[in-house]
Amino acid sequence: MFHSKHKIMKSTWFIGIDVSKATLDVALCHQDSPNQFSHQQFANTAAGFKQLLTWLGQPR
């Protein structure tokens, strides 16, 4: 049996994405602070989608 001293912390995030022909408007908030959110706008292109994925991968 494998024992670990590390605890896995789980948290819930909510994301909303408004998709238009030109842009992706993204809002992100944590379950513990629903009145505080981050917003970012990306081009609705392959490059913009890649930037979105990079932005979502950043620590918060």
N, C-alpha and C. Protein backbone atom coordinates (compact mmCIF):
# COMPACT_ATOMS: atom_id res chain seq x y z
N MET A 1 0.85 -1.18 0.00
CA MET A 1 0.00 0.00 0.00
C MET A 1 0.89 1.24 0.00
N PHE A 2 0.49 2.24 -0.77
CA PHE A 2 1.25 3.47 -0.88
C PHE A 2 0.69 4.50 0.10
N HIS A 3 1.55 5.09 0.90
CA HIS A 3 1.16 6.14 1.83
C HIS A 3 1.84 7.44 1.42
N SER A 4 1.11 8.50 1.49
CA SER A 4 1.66 9.80 1.12
C SER A 4 1.42 10.80 2.23
N LYS A 5 2.38 11.68 2.42
CA LYS A 5 2.23 12.74 3.41
C LYS A 5 1.57 13.97 2.80
N HIS A 6 1.36 13.94 1.48
CA HIS A 6 0.78 15.07 0.78
C HIS A 6 -0.73 14.94 0.70
N LYS A 7 -1.40 16.02 0.95
CA LYS A 7 -2.85 16.05 0.82
C LYS A 7 -3.21 16.69 -0.51
N ILE A 8 -4.20 16.15 -1.15
CA ILE A 8 -4.69 16.74 -2.39
C ILE A 8 -5.80 17.72 -2.02
N MET A 9 -5.60 18.96 -2.43
CA MET A 9 -6.61 19.98 -2.16
C MET A 9 -7.47 20.16 -3.39
N LYS A 10 -8.75 20.05 -3.21
CA LYS A 10 -9.68 20.24 -4.31
C LYS A 10 -10.38 21.58 -4.13
N SER A 11 -10.61 22.24 -5.24
CA SER A 11 -11.39 23.47 -5.18
C SER A 11 -12.24 23.54 -6.45
N THR A 12 -13.31 24.29 -6.36
CA THR A 12 -14.23 24.40 -7.48
C THR A 12 -14.17 25.80 -8.06
N TRP A 13 -13.99 25.87 -9.35
CA TRP A 13 -13.98 27.12 -10.09
C TRP A 13 -15.13 27.10 -11.08
N PHE A 14 -15.65 28.28 -11.37
CA PHE A 14 -16.71 28.43 -12.36
C PHE A 14 -16.18 29.32 -13.48
N ILE A 15 -16.49 28.93 -14.71
CA ILE A 15 -16.04 29.70 -15.86
C ILE A 15 -17.25 29.97 -16.77
N GLY A 16 -17.28 31.19 -17.27
CA GLY A 16 -18.30 31.56 -18.24
C GLY A 16 -17.61 32.11 -19.47
N ILE A 17 -18.03 31.65 -20.63
CA ILE A 17 -17.40 32.10 -21.88
C ILE A 17 -18.50 32.58 -22.82
N ASP A 18 -18.40 33.85 -23.20
CA ASP A 18 -19.31 34.43 -24.19
C ASP A 18 -18.57 34.40 -25.53
N VAL A 19 -19.13 33.65 -26.46
CA VAL A 19 -18.47 33.46 -27.75
C VAL A 19 -19.15 34.35 -28.79
N SER A 20 -18.33 35.17 -29.46
CA SER A 20 -18.84 35.94 -30.59
C SER A 20 -17.94 35.64 -31.79
N LYS A 21 -18.29 36.19 -32.92
CA LYS A 21 -17.50 35.93 -34.13
C LYS A 21 -16.05 36.38 -33.96
N ALA A 22 -15.83 37.49 -33.27
CA ALA A 22 -14.48 38.06 -33.16
C ALA A 22 -13.77 37.73 -31.85
N THR A 23 -14.52 37.54 -30.75
CA THR A 23 -13.87 37.42 -29.45
C THR A 23 -14.45 36.32 -28.58
N LEU A 24 -13.67 35.94 -27.57
CA LEU A 24 -14.09 35.08 -26.47
C LEU A 24 -13.94 35.92 -25.21
N ASP A 25 -15.06 36.23 -24.54
CA ASP A 25 -15.01 36.96 -23.27
C ASP A 25 -15.16 35.92 -22.17
N VAL A 26 -14.16 35.87 -21.29
CA VAL A 26 -14.09 34.81 -20.30
C VAL A 26 -14.12 35.40 -18.89
N ALA A 27 -14.98 34.85 -18.05
CA ALA A 27 -15.04 35.22 -16.63
C ALA A 27 -14.78 33.97 -15.81
N LEU A 28 -14.00 34.12 -14.74
CA LEU A 28 -13.61 33.00 -13.90
C LEU A 28 -13.75 33.40 -12.45
N CYS A 29 -14.41 32.56 -11.64
CA CYS A 29 -14.51 32.85 -10.21
C CYS A 29 -14.42 31.56 -9.40
N HIS A 30 -14.01 31.70 -8.16
CA HIS A 30 -13.88 30.58 -7.23
C HIS A 30 -15.16 30.46 -6.41
N GLN A 31 -15.50 29.24 -6.04
CA GLN A 31 -16.73 29.01 -5.28
C GLN A 31 -16.77 29.77 -3.96
N ASP A 32 -15.61 30.03 -3.37
CA ASP A 32 -15.57 30.71 -2.07
C ASP A 32 -15.69 32.23 -2.19
N SER A 33 -15.54 32.78 -3.38
CA SER A 33 -15.69 34.23 -3.58
C SER A 33 -16.45 34.51 -4.87
N PRO A 34 -17.74 34.23 -4.86
CA PRO A 34 -18.53 34.39 -6.09
C PRO A 34 -18.68 35.83 -6.56
N ASN A 35 -18.41 36.81 -5.70
CA ASN A 35 -18.52 38.21 -6.09
C ASN A 35 -17.22 38.78 -6.63
N GLN A 36 -16.17 37.98 -6.61
CA GLN A 36 -14.87 38.41 -7.14
C GLN A 36 -14.53 37.49 -8.31
N PHE A 37 -14.25 38.10 -9.46
CA PHE A 37 -13.93 37.26 -10.60
C PHE A 37 -12.87 37.93 -11.46
N SER A 38 -12.24 37.11 -12.27
CA SER A 38 -11.26 37.59 -13.25
C SER A 38 -11.94 37.59 -14.61
N HIS A 39 -11.60 38.57 -15.42
CA HIS A 39 -12.15 38.66 -16.76
C HIS A 39 -11.03 38.89 -17.75
N GLN A 40 -11.13 38.24 -18.88
CA GLN A 40 -10.14 38.41 -19.93
C GLN A 40 -10.84 38.23 -21.27
N GLN A 41 -10.35 38.92 -22.27
CA GLN A 41 -10.91 38.80 -23.62
C GLN A 41 -9.82 38.28 -24.55
N PHE A 42 -10.22 37.34 -25.41
CA PHE A 42 -9.30 36.72 -26.35
C PHE A 42 -9.91 36.78 -27.74
N ALA A 43 -9.05 36.79 -28.74
CA ALA A 43 -9.52 36.72 -30.12
C ALA A 43 -10.12 35.33 -30.36
N ASN A 44 -11.18 35.26 -31.14
CA ASN A 44 -11.80 33.97 -31.46
C ASN A 44 -11.06 33.37 -32.66
N THR A 45 -9.82 32.99 -32.38
CA THR A 45 -8.94 32.37 -33.37
C THR A 45 -8.20 31.24 -32.68
N ALA A 46 -7.46 30.47 -33.45
CA ALA A 46 -6.65 29.40 -32.86
C ALA A 46 -5.63 29.98 -31.87
N ALA A 47 -5.03 31.10 -32.24
CA ALA A 47 -4.05 31.74 -31.34
C ALA A 47 -4.72 32.25 -30.06
N GLY A 48 -5.92 32.82 -30.20
CA GLY A 48 -6.66 33.30 -29.03
C GLY A 48 -7.05 32.16 -28.11
N PHE A 49 -7.44 31.02 -28.68
CA PHE A 49 -7.80 29.85 -27.87
C PHE A 49 -6.57 29.34 -27.11
N LYS A 50 -5.42 29.36 -27.76
CA LYS A 50 -4.19 28.94 -27.10
C LYS A 50 -3.86 29.89 -25.93
N GLN A 51 -4.07 31.20 -26.14
CA GLN A 51 -3.86 32.17 -25.06
C GLN A 51 -4.83 31.92 -23.91
N LEU A 52 -6.07 31.57 -24.23
CA LEU A 52 -7.07 31.25 -23.20
C LEU A 52 -6.60 30.08 -22.36
N LEU A 53 -6.14 29.02 -22.99
CA LEU A 53 -5.67 27.85 -22.25
C LEU A 53 -4.47 28.19 -21.37
N THR A 54 -3.58 29.03 -21.87
CA THR A 54 -2.43 29.47 -21.06
C THR A 54 -2.91 30.27 -19.85
N TRP A 55 -3.86 31.19 -20.07
CA TRP A 55 -4.41 32.01 -18.98
C TRP A 55 -5.07 31.14 -17.92
N LEU A 56 -5.81 30.12 -18.35
CA LEU A 56 -6.49 29.25 -17.39
C LEU A 56 -5.49 28.40 -16.59
N GLY A 57 -4.33 28.13 -17.16
CA GLY A 57 -3.33 27.31 -16.48
C GLY A 57 -2.50 28.07 -15.47
N GLN A 58 -2.64 29.39 -15.42
CA GLN A 58 -1.86 30.20 -14.47
C GLN A 58 -2.38 29.99 -13.04
N PRO A 59 -1.48 29.94 -12.08
CA PRO A 59 -1.93 29.79 -10.69
C PRO A 59 -2.74 31.00 -10.22
N ARG A 60 -3.70 30.75 -9.41
CA ARG A 60 -4.54 31.81 -8.86
C ARG A 60 -4.49 31.77 -7.36
